[in-house]
């Protein structure tokens, strides 16, 4: 297996990894980005971005990533598609193991992003970025004066729904069981005049066409299946993010000592 030596090895080709590479390369450190797949990740799957500083007009997430990546490469960064399956951080040279070879560096940067919700509904992954969203803060402004639906019962879902009340004509809050009505955040949400709460409701399917989500099929306990129709509307799912570092679980003890 080939061995490659760099000053800085960055695991992750998203915005954090590209930003880091831009600075290290400009500082004349020999830098490599190891990226599993440029087409995946929270930014890459984003259909449209209109709130990134310095970028005028709408741009897709993968389009913005292309610009970031090419900028880092233009200053000398090496970009390598590679799946990392292990690391060794003992010693002056940190080692990163991939099928393409072992990459060694005096500095190792973990910029792996986060693993989010696994698609569980029919149509969810198909319309992700085209009406299905995991981030109301990111996408809420796209749905001004439209009907939106938020599914989830945790604190994150309540906060997402509350945020959307500033933009949407109606926020349909769907929960599969009774929320904690004593919770002040729940009370605040339900007091909003443009919030409609669907209690004991299960989501069955997300439907749409080339333009995006058009219908949401749901079923309320003891009642018939219902179709929530929306014209250019949106569907927001609560999504907890977890840092993606499974490839270094075998080095967990060492990493804890390394980071202190």
Protein backbone atom coordinates (compact mmCIF):
# COMPACT_ATOMS: atom_id res chain seq x y z
CA UNK A 1 0.00 0.00 0.00
CA UNK A 2 1.29 3.44 -0.96
CA UNK A 3 2.26 5.94 1.75
CA UNK A 4 1.93 9.70 1.31
CA UNK A 5 3.32 12.36 3.61
CA UNK A 6 1.85 15.83 4.14
CA UNK A 7 2.08 18.62 6.66
CA UNK A 8 -1.70 18.63 7.17
CA UNK A 9 -4.19 15.84 6.54
CA UNK A 10 -7.84 16.93 6.56
CA UNK A 11 -10.58 14.31 6.76
CA UNK A 12 -13.72 15.78 5.22
CA UNK A 13 -14.33 17.79 2.07
CA UNK A 14 -17.19 19.98 3.24
CA UNK A 15 -17.07 23.72 3.98
CA UNK A 16 -15.02 23.25 7.17
CA UNK A 17 -12.45 21.04 5.47
CA UNK A 18 -12.16 23.31 2.42
CA UNK A 19 -11.84 26.43 4.59
CA UNK A 20 -9.10 24.81 6.64
CA UNK A 21 -7.26 23.67 3.51
CA UNK A 22 -7.45 27.17 2.02
CA UNK A 23 -5.66 28.65 5.02
CA UNK A 24 -3.06 25.90 5.49
CA UNK A 25 -2.19 25.82 1.79
CA UNK A 26 -1.81 29.59 1.66
CA UNK A 27 0.46 29.31 4.71
CA UNK A 28 2.66 26.99 2.61
CA UNK A 29 1.77 23.78 4.45
CA UNK A 30 1.50 20.75 2.19
CA UNK A 31 -2.17 19.83 2.59
CA UNK A 32 -4.45 17.02 1.50
CA UNK A 33 -8.24 16.75 1.77
CA UNK A 34 -9.60 13.21 2.06
CA UNK A 35 -13.23 13.25 0.93
CA UNK A 36 -15.42 10.16 0.91
CA UNK A 37 -17.91 11.53 -1.58
CA UNK A 38 -18.37 15.16 -2.73
CA UNK A 39 -22.03 14.47 -3.53
CA UNK A 40 -23.08 13.73 0.06
CA UNK A 41 -23.23 15.87 3.16
CA UNK A 42 -25.60 18.52 4.48
CA UNK A 43 -24.40 21.22 2.10
CA UNK A 44 -24.01 19.02 -0.98
CA UNK A 45 -27.64 17.88 -0.90
CA UNK A 46 -29.01 21.40 -0.39
CA UNK A 47 -31.06 22.35 -3.44
CA UNK A 48 -30.78 26.12 -3.17
CA UNK A 49 -28.79 28.56 -1.04
CA UNK A 50 -29.56 32.26 -0.86
CA UNK A 51 -28.04 33.27 2.49
CA UNK A 52 -24.32 32.66 2.06
CA UNK A 53 -22.28 35.86 2.53
CA UNK A 54 -20.59 37.08 -0.63
CA UNK A 55 -22.59 34.87 -3.01
CA UNK A 56 -25.15 36.85 -4.99
CA UNK A 57 -28.23 35.07 -6.27
CA UNK A 58 -29.21 31.48 -5.70
CA UNK A 59 -26.66 28.69 -5.89
CA UNK A 60 -26.93 24.97 -5.19
CA UNK A 61 -25.07 23.41 -2.29
CA UNK A 62 -22.88 21.27 -4.51
CA UNK A 63 -22.19 24.32 -6.68
CA UNK A 64 -20.97 26.27 -3.65
CA UNK A 65 -18.83 23.31 -2.58
CA UNK A 66 -17.27 23.18 -6.04
CA UNK A 67 -16.21 26.82 -5.67
CA UNK A 68 -14.75 26.18 -2.19
CA UNK A 69 -12.91 23.07 -3.33
CA UNK A 70 -11.43 24.67 -6.44
CA UNK A 71 -10.28 27.68 -4.43
CA UNK A 72 -8.37 25.44 -2.00
CA UNK A 73 -6.89 23.42 -4.88
CA UNK A 74 -5.79 26.62 -6.62
CA UNK A 75 -3.52 27.36 -3.66
CA UNK A 76 -1.92 23.93 -3.71
CA UNK A 77 -4.27 21.63 -1.78
CA UNK A 78 -4.34 18.02 -2.92
CA UNK A 79 -7.88 16.66 -3.16
CA UNK A 80 -8.28 12.90 -2.82
CA UNK A 81 -11.48 10.91 -2.86
CA UNK A 82 -11.00 8.26 -0.20
CA UNK A 83 -12.99 6.39 2.44
CA UNK A 84 -11.16 6.55 5.77
CA UNK A 85 -11.38 3.33 7.75
CA UNK A 86 -8.90 4.00 10.55
CA UNK A 87 -6.46 6.47 12.07
CA UNK A 88 -3.41 6.31 14.33
CA UNK A 89 -2.61 9.50 16.21
CA UNK A 90 0.34 8.21 18.25
CA UNK A 91 3.71 9.57 17.31
CA UNK A 92 4.81 12.76 15.55
CA UNK A 93 3.19 11.69 12.27
CA UNK A 94 -0.52 10.95 12.41
CA UNK A 95 -1.58 8.13 10.09
CA UNK A 96 -4.85 7.91 8.17
CA UNK A 97 -5.68 4.59 6.53
CA UNK A 98 -7.71 4.39 3.32
CA UNK A 99 -8.01 1.88 0.44
CA UNK A 100 -6.05 4.38 -1.68
CA UNK A 101 -3.09 4.33 0.70
CA UNK A 102 -1.85 5.61 4.05
CA UNK A 103 -1.75 9.37 4.44
CA UNK A 104 0.59 10.76 7.10
CA UNK A 105 0.72 14.27 8.47
CA UNK A 106 2.21 16.29 11.28
CA UNK A 107 -1.29 17.68 11.85
CA UNK A 108 -4.62 15.90 11.49
CA UNK A 109 -7.88 17.81 11.15
CA UNK A 110 -11.25 16.06 11.59
CA UNK A 111 -13.81 17.98 9.53
CA UNK A 112 -16.21 15.12 8.95
CA UNK A 113 -19.47 16.97 9.40
CA UNK A 114 -22.46 15.27 10.90
CA UNK A 115 -24.67 12.29 10.28
CA UNK A 116 -28.30 13.26 10.39
CA UNK A 117 -31.68 11.66 10.18
CA UNK A 118 -31.95 8.44 8.18
CA UNK A 119 -34.82 8.61 5.69
CA UNK A 120 -37.77 6.67 7.05
CA UNK A 121 -40.71 7.94 5.01
CA UNK A 122 -41.61 7.14 1.43
CA UNK A 123 -40.67 10.17 -0.65
CA UNK A 124 -38.53 11.77 2.06
CA UNK A 125 -35.14 11.32 0.42
CA UNK A 126 -36.60 11.87 -3.06
CA UNK A 127 -37.81 15.37 -2.21
CA UNK A 128 -35.02 16.38 0.17
CA UNK A 129 -34.08 19.92 -0.78
CA UNK A 130 -37.21 20.26 -2.92
CA UNK A 131 -39.76 20.78 -0.18
CA UNK A 132 -38.48 18.37 2.46
CA UNK A 133 -36.15 20.19 4.81
CA UNK A 134 -34.31 19.41 8.04
CA UNK A 135 -33.48 23.03 8.90
CA UNK A 136 -36.13 25.69 9.33
CA UNK A 137 -33.49 28.33 10.06
CA UNK A 138 -31.79 27.58 6.74
CA UNK A 139 -34.89 27.29 4.56
CA UNK A 140 -37.68 29.15 6.34
CA UNK A 141 -37.41 32.30 4.22
CA UNK A 142 -38.10 30.25 1.08
CA UNK A 143 -41.62 29.51 2.35
CA UNK A 144 -42.89 32.97 3.14
CA UNK A 145 -46.70 33.09 3.04
CA UNK A 146 -46.94 29.36 2.27
CA UNK A 147 -48.28 26.44 4.25
CA UNK A 148 -45.69 24.23 5.89
CA UNK A 149 -45.83 21.09 7.99
CA UNK A 150 -43.45 20.19 10.82
CA UNK A 151 -43.28 16.64 12.15
CA UNK A 152 -41.72 15.90 15.50
CA UNK A 153 -42.24 16.13 19.23
CA UNK A 154 -38.80 16.91 20.62
CA UNK A 155 -37.46 20.32 21.58
CA UNK A 156 -35.85 20.75 18.18
CA UNK A 157 -39.15 20.23 16.35
CA UNK A 158 -40.92 22.74 18.61
CA UNK A 159 -38.20 25.31 17.97
CA UNK A 160 -38.31 24.70 14.20
CA UNK A 161 -42.09 25.12 14.14
CA UNK A 162 -41.89 28.28 16.25
CA UNK A 163 -39.31 29.78 13.90
CA UNK A 164 -41.47 29.04 10.86
CA UNK A 165 -44.43 30.96 12.30
CA UNK A 166 -42.61 34.15 11.27
CA UNK A 167 -42.74 33.16 7.60
CA UNK A 168 -45.48 30.64 6.84
CA UNK A 169 -49.15 31.46 6.41
CA UNK A 170 -49.94 28.28 8.36
CA UNK A 171 -47.67 25.92 10.28
CA UNK A 172 -49.15 22.44 10.62
CA UNK A 173 -47.50 20.79 13.62
CA UNK A 174 -47.85 17.01 13.45
CA UNK A 175 -47.13 14.88 16.53
CA UNK A 176 -47.62 11.16 17.02
CA UNK A 177 -48.57 11.60 20.67
CA UNK A 178 -49.65 14.25 23.17
CA UNK A 179 -46.99 16.95 23.68
CA UNK A 180 -46.01 18.18 27.12
CA UNK A 181 -48.63 20.88 27.47
CA UNK A 182 -46.97 22.22 30.63
CA UNK A 183 -43.83 23.03 28.64
CA UNK A 184 -43.62 26.79 28.13
CA UNK A 185 -42.17 26.38 24.62
CA UNK A 186 -45.08 24.13 23.60
CA UNK A 187 -47.54 26.62 25.08
CA UNK A 188 -45.89 29.46 23.17
CA UNK A 189 -46.08 27.52 19.91
CA UNK A 190 -49.73 26.53 20.32
CA UNK A 191 -50.66 30.13 21.14
CA UNK A 192 -49.57 31.31 17.71
CA UNK A 193 -52.60 32.13 15.52
CA UNK A 194 -51.10 30.49 12.43
CA UNK A 195 -50.32 27.14 14.07
CA UNK A 196 -52.60 24.13 13.58
CA UNK A 197 -51.77 21.12 15.76
CA UNK A 198 -52.46 17.60 14.47
CA UNK A 199 -52.25 15.34 17.51
CA UNK A 200 -51.81 11.53 17.44
CA UNK A 201 -50.87 11.74 13.76
CA UNK A 202 -48.54 9.48 11.80
CA UNK A 203 -46.88 10.43 8.55
CA UNK A 204 -47.21 7.85 5.81
CA UNK A 205 -45.82 9.31 2.62
CA UNK A 206 -44.49 12.45 0.95
CA UNK A 207 -45.66 13.04 -2.60
CA UNK A 208 -44.69 15.52 -5.27
CA UNK A 209 -43.50 16.19 -8.79
CA UNK A 210 -40.59 17.84 -10.56
CA UNK A 211 -41.33 21.13 -8.80
CA UNK A 212 -41.26 19.62 -5.31
CA UNK A 213 -43.60 18.46 -2.56
CA UNK A 214 -47.31 18.65 -3.33
CA UNK A 215 -48.98 16.29 -0.82
CA UNK A 216 -48.34 14.69 2.54
CA UNK A 217 -50.31 11.57 3.38
CA UNK A 218 -50.99 11.24 7.11
CA UNK A 219 -53.28 9.32 9.44
CA UNK A 220 -54.74 10.53 12.72
CA UNK A 221 -55.51 7.98 15.43
CA UNK A 222 -59.05 6.67 15.04
CA UNK A 223 -59.59 8.62 11.87
CA UNK A 224 -59.20 8.13 8.11
CA UNK A 225 -56.09 8.80 6.11
CA UNK A 226 -55.77 12.46 5.22
CA UNK A 227 -53.93 14.23 2.44
CA UNK A 228 -52.34 17.53 3.34
CA UNK A 229 -52.08 19.35 0.02
CA UNK A 230 -49.76 22.27 -0.41
CA UNK A 231 -48.97 24.58 -3.28
CA UNK A 232 -45.19 25.04 -3.38
CA UNK A 233 -45.17 24.24 0.29
CA UNK A 234 -42.70 22.57 2.56
CA UNK A 235 -42.32 19.73 4.97
CA UNK A 236 -39.83 19.98 7.82
CA UNK A 237 -38.60 16.98 9.81
CA UNK A 238 -36.86 17.27 13.14
CA UNK A 239 -33.33 16.00 12.72
CA UNK A 240 -30.71 15.43 15.36
CA UNK A 241 -27.14 15.66 14.11
CA UNK A 242 -24.32 13.50 15.41
CA UNK A 243 -20.70 14.01 14.55
CA UNK A 244 -19.47 11.40 12.12
CA UNK A 245 -16.33 9.86 13.63
CA UNK A 246 -17.02 6.14 13.44
CA UNK A 247 -13.79 5.53 11.56
CA UNK A 248 -11.78 6.51 14.64
CA UNK A 249 -13.72 4.63 17.32
CA UNK A 250 -10.82 2.21 17.70
CA UNK A 251 -8.65 5.20 18.59
CA UNK A 252 -11.19 6.72 20.99
CA UNK A 253 -9.02 6.36 24.09
CA UNK A 254 -6.01 7.78 22.29
CA UNK A 255 -8.02 10.69 20.90
CA UNK A 256 -9.32 11.57 24.35
CA UNK A 257 -5.76 11.66 25.67
CA UNK A 258 -4.60 13.60 22.62
CA UNK A 259 -7.29 16.26 22.99
CA UNK A 260 -7.09 16.25 26.77
